[in-house]
Amino acid sequence: MTRSTPFELVFGGLAAERFPAIRDSLDRAGADPADRERFILDAEAASLLRDQVPEEGAGAAVTEHVALLHHAWLFWRDGARTAVLSREEARALAMASPPGARGAGGGARYIQFPERLFWAELVPGSPHEPLDGFFIHEGSASELAVLAIFGFHPAREGFSVAAARGSRPAIMARPDGGALFAPVMAGGTEAGLLSLVGEDELLELAARARDAIKEG
């Protein structure tokens, strides 16, 4: 059964109404759409952000709101493509061999993972949350820009995000020598779960998923 996405929940009623004006404004300015700093300086984008973020939501959390808006806008601009990974496909990514060469990027996407397979402790000491998926696009100098969505459920108000941006780390083990994506939550091994630990691990999983679906 098809699952809803964070884009549909947050921007389903706004994208058609507000996103074209942002696109047209940035196009007139000749701006790089992947440049987040330039994106949020645009009057149309800044206006939408002000409408979305309540005054009490300003401060440190505004960075997350900017990242979500930019990722969602790029996702819409590039055709609102969602790739859905099966449980078997997602597990295969975690076991992948060292990466080889890859072709050109395929634009922005949302990659949806199987429910409750990958988990992360986003704040030390807080409950682990399940990964729904991530928005991904390539920024300047072919850096990956990833916004992972955790704890998403249509019946829940809000969700958690984790952003990562940079060159693909192409790592094959954790700093302590442990296996990438090995479970770190209590009972995770017995339940067959996987974990994401740190920004590099998130970037590496995103790159593997992007390469696996880039032709799809």
N, C-alpha and C. Protein backbone atom coordinates (compact mmCIF):
# COMPACT_ATOMS: atom_id res chain seq x y z
N MET A 1 0.84 -1.18 0.00
CA MET A 1 0.00 0.00 0.00
C MET A 1 0.88 1.24 0.00
N THR A 2 0.53 2.22 -0.80
CA THR A 2 1.31 3.44 -0.92
C THR A 2 1.22 4.26 0.36
N ARG A 3 2.36 4.68 0.86
CA ARG A 3 2.40 5.53 2.05
C ARG A 3 2.45 7.00 1.65
N SER A 4 1.89 7.83 2.49
CA SER A 4 2.00 9.26 2.25
C SER A 4 3.42 9.70 2.58
N THR A 5 3.78 10.90 2.15
CA THR A 5 5.13 11.42 2.34
C THR A 5 5.08 12.73 3.12
N PRO A 6 6.19 13.13 3.72
CA PRO A 6 6.22 14.43 4.40
C PRO A 6 5.89 15.59 3.47
N PHE A 7 6.26 15.48 2.19
CA PHE A 7 5.93 16.54 1.24
C PHE A 7 4.42 16.72 1.15
N GLU A 8 3.72 15.61 1.03
CA GLU A 8 2.26 15.68 0.92
C GLU A 8 1.63 16.27 2.18
N LEU A 9 2.17 15.91 3.33
CA LEU A 9 1.60 16.38 4.59
C LEU A 9 1.83 17.87 4.78
N VAL A 10 3.03 18.35 4.49
CA VAL A 10 3.38 19.74 4.79
C VAL A 10 3.08 20.68 3.63
N PHE A 11 3.35 20.21 2.40
CA PHE A 11 3.28 21.11 1.25
C PHE A 11 2.21 20.75 0.22
N GLY A 12 1.43 19.72 0.51
CA GLY A 12 0.44 19.29 -0.47
C GLY A 12 -0.51 20.39 -0.89
N GLY A 13 -0.92 21.24 0.05
CA GLY A 13 -1.83 22.31 -0.29
C GLY A 13 -1.16 23.62 -0.64
N LEU A 14 0.17 23.67 -0.55
CA LEU A 14 0.91 24.91 -0.77
C LEU A 14 1.73 24.92 -2.05
N ALA A 15 2.21 23.75 -2.46
CA ALA A 15 3.19 23.70 -3.55
C ALA A 15 2.67 24.36 -4.83
N ALA A 16 1.49 23.96 -5.27
CA ALA A 16 0.96 24.51 -6.52
C ALA A 16 0.70 26.00 -6.43
N GLU A 17 0.38 26.46 -5.23
CA GLU A 17 0.04 27.87 -5.03
C GLU A 17 1.27 28.76 -4.88
N ARG A 18 2.29 28.28 -4.15
CA ARG A 18 3.39 29.17 -3.77
C ARG A 18 4.72 28.85 -4.44
N PHE A 19 4.95 27.60 -4.81
CA PHE A 19 6.27 27.23 -5.34
C PHE A 19 6.57 27.83 -6.72
N PRO A 20 5.59 27.95 -7.63
CA PRO A 20 5.92 28.53 -8.93
C PRO A 20 6.49 29.95 -8.84
N ALA A 21 5.99 30.74 -7.90
CA ALA A 21 6.49 32.11 -7.76
C ALA A 21 7.95 32.12 -7.32
N ILE A 22 8.32 31.17 -6.47
CA ILE A 22 9.72 31.07 -6.05
C ILE A 22 10.59 30.68 -7.25
N ARG A 23 10.14 29.70 -8.01
CA ARG A 23 10.88 29.28 -9.21
C ARG A 23 11.07 30.44 -10.18
N ASP A 24 9.99 31.16 -10.46
CA ASP A 24 10.08 32.26 -11.41
C ASP A 24 11.01 33.36 -10.92
N SER A 25 10.94 33.65 -9.64
CA SER A 25 11.79 34.71 -9.07
C SER A 25 13.27 34.34 -9.15
N LEU A 26 13.59 33.10 -8.79
CA LEU A 26 14.99 32.66 -8.84
C LEU A 26 15.48 32.55 -10.28
N ASP A 27 14.61 32.13 -11.19
CA ASP A 27 14.99 32.05 -12.60
C ASP A 27 15.31 33.43 -13.16
N ARG A 28 14.49 34.41 -12.80
CA ARG A 28 14.75 35.79 -13.27
C ARG A 28 16.08 36.31 -12.76
N ALA A 29 16.44 35.90 -11.55
CA ALA A 29 17.70 36.35 -10.96
C ALA A 29 18.90 35.54 -11.44
N GLY A 30 18.64 34.46 -12.18
CA GLY A 30 19.74 33.60 -12.63
C GLY A 30 20.44 32.88 -11.49
N ALA A 31 19.70 32.60 -10.42
CA ALA A 31 20.28 31.99 -9.23
C ALA A 31 20.41 30.48 -9.38
N ASP A 32 21.41 29.92 -8.73
CA ASP A 32 21.58 28.47 -8.68
C ASP A 32 20.51 27.92 -7.74
N PRO A 33 19.60 27.08 -8.23
CA PRO A 33 18.52 26.59 -7.36
C PRO A 33 19.01 25.77 -6.17
N ALA A 34 20.21 25.17 -6.29
CA ALA A 34 20.73 24.36 -5.20
C ALA A 34 21.41 25.18 -4.12
N ASP A 35 21.57 26.49 -4.33
CA ASP A 35 22.23 27.37 -3.36
C ASP A 35 21.20 27.77 -2.30
N ARG A 36 21.27 27.13 -1.14
CA ARG A 36 20.25 27.37 -0.10
C ARG A 36 20.32 28.79 0.45
N GLU A 37 21.53 29.32 0.59
CA GLU A 37 21.66 30.67 1.12
C GLU A 37 21.00 31.68 0.18
N ARG A 38 21.20 31.50 -1.11
CA ARG A 38 20.57 32.39 -2.08
C ARG A 38 19.06 32.15 -2.13
N PHE A 39 18.65 30.91 -1.98
CA PHE A 39 17.23 30.55 -2.00
C PHE A 39 16.46 31.31 -0.93
N ILE A 40 16.96 31.30 0.30
CA ILE A 40 16.18 31.89 1.39
C ILE A 40 16.26 33.41 1.39
N LEU A 41 17.18 33.99 0.61
CA LEU A 41 17.20 35.44 0.46
C LEU A 41 16.16 35.92 -0.55
N ASP A 42 15.61 35.00 -1.34
CA ASP A 42 14.58 35.36 -2.31
C ASP A 42 13.32 35.81 -1.57
N ALA A 43 12.71 36.88 -2.03
CA ALA A 43 11.56 37.44 -1.33
C ALA A 43 10.39 36.46 -1.25
N GLU A 44 10.16 35.69 -2.33
CA GLU A 44 9.04 34.74 -2.34
C GLU A 44 9.28 33.60 -1.36
N ALA A 45 10.51 33.08 -1.33
CA ALA A 45 10.83 31.99 -0.41
C ALA A 45 10.78 32.47 1.04
N ALA A 46 11.32 33.67 1.29
CA ALA A 46 11.31 34.21 2.64
C ALA A 46 9.89 34.45 3.13
N SER A 47 9.01 34.89 2.23
CA SER A 47 7.62 35.12 2.60
C SER A 47 6.93 33.83 3.00
N LEU A 48 7.16 32.76 2.24
CA LEU A 48 6.56 31.47 2.57
C LEU A 48 7.10 30.95 3.88
N LEU A 49 8.40 31.12 4.12
CA LEU A 49 8.98 30.67 5.38
C LEU A 49 8.33 31.40 6.56
N ARG A 50 8.14 32.69 6.44
CA ARG A 50 7.50 33.45 7.52
C ARG A 50 6.07 32.95 7.77
N ASP A 51 5.37 32.58 6.73
CA ASP A 51 4.02 32.08 6.89
C ASP A 51 3.99 30.71 7.57
N GLN A 52 5.05 29.94 7.37
CA GLN A 52 5.08 28.57 7.90
C GLN A 52 5.61 28.48 9.31
N VAL A 53 6.53 29.36 9.68
CA VAL A 53 7.21 29.24 10.96
C VAL A 53 6.58 30.22 11.95
N PRO A 54 5.92 29.72 12.99
CA PRO A 54 5.37 30.63 13.99
C PRO A 54 6.48 31.35 14.73
N GLU A 55 6.14 32.48 15.34
CA GLU A 55 7.16 33.28 16.01
C GLU A 55 7.89 32.47 17.07
N GLU A 56 7.16 31.61 17.78
CA GLU A 56 7.82 30.80 18.80
C GLU A 56 8.70 29.71 18.20
N GLY A 57 8.59 29.51 16.88
CA GLY A 57 9.42 28.50 16.22
C GLY A 57 10.71 29.06 15.68
N ALA A 58 10.91 30.37 15.85
CA ALA A 58 12.15 30.98 15.37
C ALA A 58 13.31 30.56 16.27
N GLY A 59 14.50 30.95 15.88
CA GLY A 59 15.67 30.56 16.65
C GLY A 59 16.39 29.41 15.99
N ALA A 60 16.91 28.50 16.83
CA ALA A 60 17.70 27.40 16.30
C ALA A 60 16.91 26.52 15.33
N ALA A 61 15.61 26.34 15.59
CA ALA A 61 14.80 25.45 14.75
C ALA A 61 14.57 26.02 13.36
N VAL A 62 14.80 27.32 13.17
CA VAL A 62 14.53 27.90 11.86
C VAL A 62 15.44 27.29 10.79
N THR A 63 16.63 26.88 11.18
CA THR A 63 17.55 26.24 10.23
C THR A 63 16.92 24.98 9.65
N GLU A 64 16.24 24.22 10.50
CA GLU A 64 15.57 23.00 10.02
C GLU A 64 14.41 23.35 9.09
N HIS A 65 13.68 24.40 9.42
CA HIS A 65 12.56 24.82 8.56
C HIS A 65 13.07 25.26 7.18
N VAL A 66 14.18 25.99 7.16
CA VAL A 66 14.77 26.43 5.89
C VAL A 66 15.19 25.22 5.07
N ALA A 67 15.86 24.26 5.72
CA ALA A 67 16.31 23.06 5.00
C ALA A 67 15.13 22.29 4.43
N LEU A 68 14.06 22.14 5.21
CA LEU A 68 12.89 21.40 4.74
C LEU A 68 12.24 22.12 3.56
N LEU A 69 12.08 23.44 3.67
CA LEU A 69 11.47 24.19 2.58
C LEU A 69 12.30 24.10 1.30
N HIS A 70 13.62 24.23 1.43
CA HIS A 70 14.48 24.19 0.24
C HIS A 70 14.46 22.81 -0.41
N HIS A 71 14.60 21.77 0.41
CA HIS A 71 14.55 20.41 -0.12
C HIS A 71 13.21 20.14 -0.80
N ALA A 72 12.12 20.55 -0.14
CA ALA A 72 10.79 20.30 -0.70
C ALA A 72 10.60 21.06 -2.01
N TRP A 73 11.09 22.28 -2.08
CA TRP A 73 10.95 23.06 -3.31
C TRP A 73 11.74 22.44 -4.45
N LEU A 74 12.96 21.99 -4.18
CA LEU A 74 13.76 21.33 -5.22
C LEU A 74 13.09 20.03 -5.67
N PHE A 75 12.55 19.30 -4.71
CA PHE A 75 11.81 18.06 -5.02
C PHE A 75 10.66 18.37 -5.98
N TRP A 76 9.89 19.41 -5.69
CA TRP A 76 8.78 19.82 -6.55
C TRP A 76 9.30 20.28 -7.91
N ARG A 77 10.35 21.10 -7.91
CA ARG A 77 10.89 21.66 -9.15
C ARG A 77 11.38 20.57 -10.10
N ASP A 78 11.91 19.49 -9.55
CA ASP A 78 12.45 18.42 -10.38
C ASP A 78 11.43 17.32 -10.67
N GLY A 79 10.15 17.60 -10.44
CA GLY A 79 9.12 16.64 -10.84
C GLY A 79 8.50 15.82 -9.74
N ALA A 80 8.85 16.13 -8.47
CA ALA A 80 8.25 15.45 -7.32
C ALA A 80 8.34 13.92 -7.45
N ARG A 81 9.55 13.45 -7.67
CA ARG A 81 9.77 12.01 -7.85
C ARG A 81 10.09 11.34 -6.52
N THR A 82 9.37 10.27 -6.23
CA THR A 82 9.60 9.48 -5.03
C THR A 82 10.00 8.07 -5.42
N ALA A 83 11.11 7.61 -4.87
CA ALA A 83 11.55 6.22 -5.07
C ALA A 83 11.26 5.46 -3.78
N VAL A 84 10.64 4.30 -3.89
CA VAL A 84 10.27 3.50 -2.73
C VAL A 84 11.12 2.24 -2.71
N LEU A 85 11.85 2.04 -1.62
CA LEU A 85 12.70 0.87 -1.49
C LEU A 85 11.98 -0.23 -0.71
N SER A 86 12.10 -1.45 -1.19
CA SER A 86 11.56 -2.59 -0.45
C SER A 86 12.49 -2.91 0.72
N ARG A 87 12.02 -3.76 1.61
CA ARG A 87 12.86 -4.16 2.75
C ARG A 87 14.11 -4.87 2.27
N GLU A 88 13.98 -5.70 1.27
CA GLU A 88 15.13 -6.42 0.74
C GLU A 88 16.14 -5.46 0.09
N GLU A 89 15.64 -4.48 -0.66
CA GLU A 89 16.52 -3.50 -1.29
C GLU A 89 17.24 -2.65 -0.26
N ALA A 90 16.53 -2.26 0.77
CA ALA A 90 17.14 -1.42 1.80
C ALA A 90 18.22 -2.19 2.56
N ARG A 91 17.96 -3.45 2.86
CA ARG A 91 18.97 -4.27 3.54
C ARG A 91 20.19 -4.47 2.65
N ALA A 92 19.97 -4.63 1.35
CA ALA A 92 21.09 -4.81 0.43
C ALA A 92 21.99 -3.57 0.41
N LEU A 93 21.40 -2.38 0.53
CA LEU A 93 22.21 -1.16 0.58
C LEU A 93 23.14 -1.17 1.78
N ALA A 94 22.63 -1.66 2.91
CA ALA A 94 23.45 -1.68 4.11
C ALA A 94 24.62 -2.65 3.98
N MET A 95 24.52 -3.63 3.10
CA MET A 95 25.56 -4.63 2.93
C MET A 95 26.41 -4.37 1.69
N ALA A 96 26.23 -3.22 1.04
CA ALA A 96 26.88 -2.95 -0.25
C ALA A 96 28.40 -2.95 -0.14
N SER A 97 29.04 -3.28 -1.24
CA SER A 97 30.49 -3.25 -1.35
C SER A 97 30.96 -1.81 -1.55
N PRO A 98 32.28 -1.56 -1.49
CA PRO A 98 32.78 -0.21 -1.74
C PRO A 98 32.27 0.32 -3.07
N PRO A 99 31.93 1.61 -3.11
CA PRO A 99 31.31 2.17 -4.32
C PRO A 99 32.28 2.30 -5.48
N GLY A 100 31.75 2.21 -6.68
CA GLY A 100 32.52 2.47 -7.88
C GLY A 100 32.14 3.81 -8.46
N ALA A 101 32.51 4.03 -9.71
CA ALA A 101 32.17 5.29 -10.36
C ALA A 101 30.67 5.35 -10.62
N ARG A 102 30.16 6.57 -10.69
CA ARG A 102 28.74 6.74 -10.95
C ARG A 102 28.54 7.82 -12.00
N GLY A 103 27.37 7.81 -12.59
CA GLY A 103 27.06 8.80 -13.61
C GLY A 103 26.58 10.11 -13.03
N ALA A 104 26.03 10.95 -13.90
CA ALA A 104 25.55 12.26 -13.46
C ALA A 104 24.34 12.10 -12.55
N GLY A 105 24.14 13.08 -11.68
CA GLY A 105 23.02 13.05 -10.76
C GLY A 105 21.69 13.12 -11.48
N GLY A 106 20.67 12.60 -10.85
CA GLY A 106 19.36 12.55 -11.48
C GLY A 106 18.39 13.57 -10.92
N GLY A 107 18.87 14.64 -10.29
CA GLY A 107 17.99 15.65 -9.74
C GLY A 107 17.51 15.28 -8.34
N ALA A 108 16.65 16.14 -7.80
CA ALA A 108 16.15 15.94 -6.44
C ALA A 108 15.11 14.82 -6.40
N ARG A 109 15.11 14.10 -5.30
CA ARG A 109 14.15 13.01 -5.10
C ARG A 109 13.82 12.90 -3.62
N TYR A 110 12.75 12.16 -3.35
CA TYR A 110 12.51 11.66 -2.00
C TYR A 110 12.62 10.15 -2.07
N ILE A 111 13.49 9.59 -1.24
CA ILE A 111 13.69 8.14 -1.21
C ILE A 111 13.05 7.62 0.07
N GLN A 112 12.02 6.81 -0.10
CA GLN A 112 11.25 6.30 1.04
C GLN A 112 11.73 4.89 1.39
N PHE A 113 12.06 4.71 2.67
CA PHE A 113 12.56 3.43 3.16
C PHE A 113 11.41 2.61 3.76
N PRO A 114 11.62 1.33 3.93
CA PRO A 114 10.60 0.51 4.59
C PRO A 114 10.38 1.01 6.01
N GLU A 115 9.17 0.88 6.48
CA GLU A 115 8.84 1.38 7.82
C GLU A 115 9.61 0.63 8.91
N ARG A 116 10.13 1.41 9.85
CA ARG A 116 10.73 0.87 11.09
C ARG A 116 11.85 -0.13 10.84
N LEU A 117 12.66 0.13 9.81
CA LEU A 117 13.85 -0.71 9.58
C LEU A 117 15.11 0.00 10.09
N PHE A 118 15.33 1.24 9.65
CA PHE A 118 16.46 2.03 10.13
C PHE A 118 16.00 2.96 11.26
N TRP A 119 16.83 3.07 12.31
CA TRP A 119 16.50 3.90 13.47
C TRP A 119 17.70 4.79 13.82
N ALA A 120 17.42 5.88 14.51
CA ALA A 120 18.51 6.77 14.94
C ALA A 120 18.13 7.46 16.25
N GLU A 121 19.15 7.68 17.07
CA GLU A 121 19.00 8.47 18.29
C GLU A 121 19.45 9.89 17.94
N LEU A 122 18.51 10.75 17.63
CA LEU A 122 18.83 12.07 17.11
C LEU A 122 19.38 13.01 18.17
N VAL A 123 18.92 12.85 19.40
CA VAL A 123 19.42 13.62 20.54
C VAL A 123 19.89 12.62 21.59
N PRO A 124 21.14 12.76 22.07
CA PRO A 124 21.64 11.79 23.05
C PRO A 124 20.68 11.62 24.23
N GLY A 125 20.36 10.38 24.51
CA GLY A 125 19.47 10.09 25.62
C GLY A 125 18.00 10.08 25.27
N SER A 126 17.66 10.49 24.04
CA SER A 126 16.25 10.51 23.62
C SER A 126 15.88 9.17 23.00
N PRO A 127 14.58 8.87 22.88
CA PRO A 127 14.18 7.61 22.25
C PRO A 127 14.64 7.56 20.78
N HIS A 128 14.99 6.38 20.32
CA HIS A 128 15.33 6.20 18.91
C HIS A 128 14.07 6.38 18.07
N GLU A 129 14.24 6.96 16.88
CA GLU A 129 13.11 7.20 15.98
C GLU A 129 13.35 6.48 14.66
N PRO A 130 12.27 6.01 14.02
CA PRO A 130 12.42 5.28 12.75
C PRO A 130 12.56 6.24 11.57
N LEU A 131 13.40 5.84 10.61
CA LEU A 131 13.59 6.60 9.38
C LEU A 131 12.43 6.33 8.43
N ASP A 132 11.80 7.41 7.94
CA ASP A 132 10.82 7.28 6.87
C ASP A 132 11.51 7.33 5.52
N GLY A 133 12.45 8.26 5.37
CA GLY A 133 13.16 8.42 4.11
C GLY A 133 13.95 9.71 4.12
N PHE A 134 14.46 10.10 2.95
CA PHE A 134 15.15 11.38 2.91
C PHE A 134 15.02 12.06 1.55
N PHE A 135 14.96 13.39 1.64
CA PHE A 135 15.11 14.23 0.46
C PHE A 135 16.59 14.29 0.14
N ILE A 136 16.92 14.24 -1.16
CA ILE A 136 18.32 14.26 -1.56
C ILE A 136 18.47 15.01 -2.87
N HIS A 137 19.51 15.83 -2.95
CA HIS A 137 19.89 16.46 -4.22
C HIS A 137 21.38 16.73 -4.18
N GLU A 138 21.92 17.09 -5.31
CA GLU A 138 23.33 17.43 -5.37
C GLU A 138 23.49 18.94 -5.35
N GLY A 139 24.32 19.42 -4.45
CA GLY A 139 24.59 20.84 -4.36
C GLY A 139 25.78 21.23 -5.21
N SER A 140 26.37 22.37 -4.88
CA SER A 140 27.54 22.83 -5.62
C SER A 140 28.69 21.86 -5.42
N ALA A 141 29.56 21.78 -6.42
CA ALA A 141 30.73 20.89 -6.40
C ALA A 141 30.33 19.44 -6.18
N SER A 142 29.12 19.08 -6.63
CA SER A 142 28.62 17.70 -6.56
C SER A 142 28.53 17.17 -5.12
N GLU A 143 28.45 18.07 -4.15
CA GLU A 143 28.21 17.64 -2.78
C GLU A 143 26.79 17.12 -2.64
N LEU A 144 26.63 16.14 -1.76
CA LEU A 144 25.30 15.63 -1.46
C LEU A 144 24.65 16.51 -0.41
N ALA A 145 23.38 16.78 -0.60
CA ALA A 145 22.59 17.46 0.42
C ALA A 145 21.44 16.54 0.77
N VAL A 146 21.35 16.16 2.03
CA VAL A 146 20.39 15.15 2.48
C VAL A 146 19.60 15.70 3.65
N LEU A 147 18.30 15.49 3.64
CA LEU A 147 17.46 15.79 4.80
C LEU A 147 16.68 14.54 5.13
N ALA A 148 17.07 13.87 6.22
CA ALA A 148 16.42 12.64 6.63
C ALA A 148 15.20 12.95 7.49
N ILE A 149 14.13 12.21 7.28
CA ILE A 149 12.88 12.40 8.00
C ILE A 149 12.66 11.21 8.93
N PHE A 150 12.55 11.50 10.22
CA PHE A 150 12.37 10.45 11.23
C PHE A 150 11.05 10.65 11.97
N GLY A 151 10.48 9.53 12.39
CA GLY A 151 9.29 9.59 13.21
C GLY A 151 8.07 10.12 12.49
N PHE A 152 8.03 9.95 11.18
CA PHE A 152 6.91 10.48 10.41
C PHE A 152 5.73 9.52 10.41
N HIS A 153 4.57 10.05 10.70
CA HIS A 153 3.32 9.30 10.57
C HIS A 153 2.21 10.31 10.33
N PRO A 154 1.34 10.07 9.35
CA PRO A 154 0.29 11.04 9.04
C PRO A 154 -0.55 11.44 10.24
N ALA A 155 -0.68 10.53 11.22
CA ALA A 155 -1.51 10.83 12.39
C ALA A 155 -0.75 11.62 13.45
N ARG A 156 0.55 11.75 13.29
CA ARG A 156 1.37 12.48 14.25
C ARG A 156 1.55 13.91 13.78
N GLU A 157 1.51 14.84 14.71
CA GLU A 157 1.75 16.24 14.36
C GLU A 157 3.25 16.50 14.35
N GLY A 158 3.80 16.67 13.16
CA GLY A 158 5.22 16.95 13.04
C GLY A 158 6.07 15.69 12.91
N PHE A 159 7.36 15.90 12.73
CA PHE A 159 8.32 14.81 12.61
C PHE A 159 9.69 15.41 12.90
N SER A 160 10.69 14.57 13.00
CA SER A 160 12.06 15.00 13.28
C SER A 160 12.88 14.96 12.00
N VAL A 161 13.89 15.82 11.91
CA VAL A 161 14.75 15.84 10.74
C VAL A 161 16.21 15.81 11.16
N ALA A 162 17.04 15.33 10.26
CA ALA A 162 18.50 15.36 10.43
C ALA A 162 19.11 15.72 9.09
N ALA A 163 19.89 16.77 9.05
CA ALA A 163 20.49 17.23 7.80
C ALA A 163 21.95 16.82 7.72
N ALA A 164 22.39 16.53 6.52
CA ALA A 164 23.79 16.23 6.26
C ALA A 164 24.14 16.78 4.88
N ARG A 165 25.34 17.30 4.77
CA ARG A 165 25.75 17.91 3.51
C ARG A 165 27.26 17.77 3.37
N GLY A 166 27.71 17.31 2.21
CA GLY A 166 29.14 17.19 1.99
C GLY A 166 29.46 16.14 0.94
N SER A 167 30.72 15.92 0.73
CA SER A 167 31.17 14.90 -0.20
C SER A 167 30.87 13.51 0.36
N ARG A 168 30.65 12.58 -0.54
CA ARG A 168 30.38 11.22 -0.08
C ARG A 168 31.57 10.67 0.69
N PRO A 169 31.37 10.18 1.91
CA PRO A 169 32.51 9.69 2.69
C PRO A 169 33.05 8.34 2.22
N ALA A 170 32.21 7.53 1.56
CA ALA A 170 32.62 6.21 1.07
C ALA A 170 33.27 5.39 2.17
N ILE A 171 32.67 5.39 3.34
CA ILE A 171 33.20 4.64 4.48
C ILE A 171 32.66 3.22 4.46
N MET A 172 33.41 2.30 5.04
CA MET A 172 32.98 0.91 5.10
C MET A 172 32.92 0.38 6.52
N ALA A 173 33.22 1.23 7.51
CA ALA A 173 33.14 0.82 8.91
C ALA A 173 33.00 2.07 9.77
N ARG A 174 32.51 1.87 10.97
CA ARG A 174 32.42 2.97 11.93
C ARG A 174 33.80 3.27 12.50
N PRO A 175 33.97 4.46 13.10
CA PRO A 175 35.28 4.82 13.66
C PRO A 175 35.82 3.80 14.66
N ASP A 176 34.93 3.12 15.38
CA ASP A 176 35.38 2.11 16.34
C ASP A 176 35.61 0.75 15.71
N GLY A 177 35.48 0.67 14.39
CA GLY A 177 35.67 -0.60 13.68
C GLY A 177 34.42 -1.41 13.51
N GLY A 178 33.32 -0.97 14.10
CA GLY A 178 32.07 -1.70 13.97
C GLY A 178 31.47 -1.56 12.58
N ALA A 179 30.55 -2.45 12.28
CA ALA A 179 29.92 -2.44 10.95
C ALA A 179 28.99 -1.25 10.79
N LEU A 180 29.00 -0.66 9.60
CA LEU A 180 28.06 0.40 9.31
C LEU A 180 26.63 -0.12 9.45
N PHE A 181 25.77 0.73 9.98
CA PHE A 181 24.34 0.47 10.08
C PHE A 181 23.97 -0.65 11.05
N ALA A 182 24.96 -1.15 11.81
CA ALA A 182 24.65 -2.17 12.82
C ALA A 182 23.75 -1.55 13.89
N PRO A 183 22.83 -2.31 14.42
CA PRO A 183 21.89 -1.76 15.41
C PRO A 183 22.60 -1.35 16.70
N VAL A 184 22.21 -0.23 17.26
CA VAL A 184 22.78 0.23 18.54
C VAL A 184 21.68 0.39 19.59
N MET A 185 20.44 0.18 19.23
CA MET A 185 19.34 0.29 20.19
C MET A 185 19.10 -1.05 20.85
N ALA A 186 18.61 -1.02 22.07
CA ALA A 186 18.36 -2.25 22.82
C ALA A 186 17.39 -3.14 22.06
N GLY A 187 17.76 -4.40 21.90
CA GLY A 187 16.90 -5.36 21.21
C GLY A 187 16.94 -5.27 19.70
N GLY A 188 17.78 -4.36 19.16
CA GLY A 188 17.81 -4.15 17.72
C GLY A 188 18.30 -5.35 16.94
N THR A 189 19.30 -6.04 17.47
CA THR A 189 19.83 -7.20 16.77
C THR A 189 18.79 -8.31 16.67
N GLU A 190 18.14 -8.58 17.78
CA GLU A 190 17.13 -9.65 17.81
C GLU A 190 15.95 -9.32 16.89
N ALA A 191 15.64 -8.04 16.77
CA ALA A 191 14.50 -7.63 15.94
C ALA A 191 14.87 -7.43 14.47
N GLY A 192 16.16 -7.58 14.14
CA GLY A 192 16.58 -7.42 12.76
C GLY A 192 16.57 -5.98 12.29
N LEU A 193 16.81 -5.03 13.21
CA LEU A 193 16.78 -3.62 12.86
C LEU A 193 18.17 -3.11 12.52
N LEU A 194 18.22 -1.92 11.94
CA LEU A 194 19.48 -1.28 11.58
C LEU A 194 19.50 0.13 12.17
N SER A 195 20.70 0.70 12.34
CA SER A 195 20.82 2.02 12.94
C SER A 195 21.67 2.94 12.07
N LEU A 196 21.37 4.22 12.16
CA LEU A 196 22.18 5.27 11.55
C LEU A 196 22.87 6.03 12.67
N VAL A 197 24.19 6.13 12.58
CA VAL A 197 24.98 6.79 13.61
C VAL A 197 25.87 7.84 12.96
N GLY A 198 25.56 9.10 13.13
CA GLY A 198 26.42 10.16 12.65
C GLY A 198 26.15 10.60 11.22
N GLU A 199 26.67 11.78 10.90
CA GLU A 199 26.43 12.39 9.59
C GLU A 199 27.05 11.59 8.46
N ASP A 200 28.28 11.08 8.65
CA ASP A 200 28.91 10.33 7.57
C ASP A 200 28.11 9.09 7.19
N GLU A 201 27.57 8.43 8.19
CA GLU A 201 26.79 7.22 7.92
C GLU A 201 25.51 7.56 7.15
N LEU A 202 24.90 8.68 7.51
CA LEU A 202 23.71 9.12 6.78
C LEU A 202 24.05 9.47 5.34
N LEU A 203 25.14 10.20 5.12
CA LEU A 203 25.55 10.55 3.76
C LEU A 203 25.87 9.30 2.94
N GLU A 204 26.52 8.34 3.55
CA GLU A 204 26.88 7.12 2.82
C GLU A 204 25.63 6.33 2.44
N LEU A 205 24.68 6.20 3.35
CA LEU A 205 23.45 5.48 3.01
C LEU A 205 22.69 6.21 1.91
N ALA A 206 22.65 7.53 2.00
CA ALA A 206 21.95 8.31 0.97
C ALA A 206 22.60 8.14 -0.39
N ALA A 207 23.93 8.14 -0.44
CA ALA A 207 24.63 7.97 -1.70
C ALA A 207 24.37 6.58 -2.29
N ARG A 208 24.38 5.56 -1.44
CA ARG A 208 24.09 4.21 -1.93
C ARG A 208 22.67 4.11 -2.48
N ALA A 209 21.72 4.72 -1.79
CA ALA A 209 20.34 4.67 -2.26
C ALA A 209 20.20 5.46 -3.55
N ARG A 210 20.81 6.62 -3.62
CA ARG A 210 20.76 7.41 -4.86
C ARG A 210 21.30 6.65 -6.04
N ASP A 211 22.43 5.99 -5.87
CA ASP A 211 23.02 5.24 -6.96
C ASP A 211 22.17 4.03 -7.36
N ALA A 212 21.49 3.45 -6.38
CA ALA A 212 20.68 2.28 -6.66
C ALA A 212 19.43 2.63 -7.47
N ILE A 213 18.93 3.87 -7.32
CA ILE A 213 17.68 4.22 -8.00
C ILE A 213 17.85 5.29 -9.07
N LYS A 214 19.07 5.70 -9.35
CA LYS A 214 19.27 6.85 -10.24
C LYS A 214 18.74 6.60 -11.66
N GLU A 215 18.65 5.34 -12.05
CA GLU A 215 18.12 5.05 -13.39
C GLU A 215 16.62 4.77 -13.37
N GLY A 216 16.07 4.71 -12.16
CA GLY A 216 14.67 4.36 -12.04
C GLY A 216 13.74 5.54 -12.19
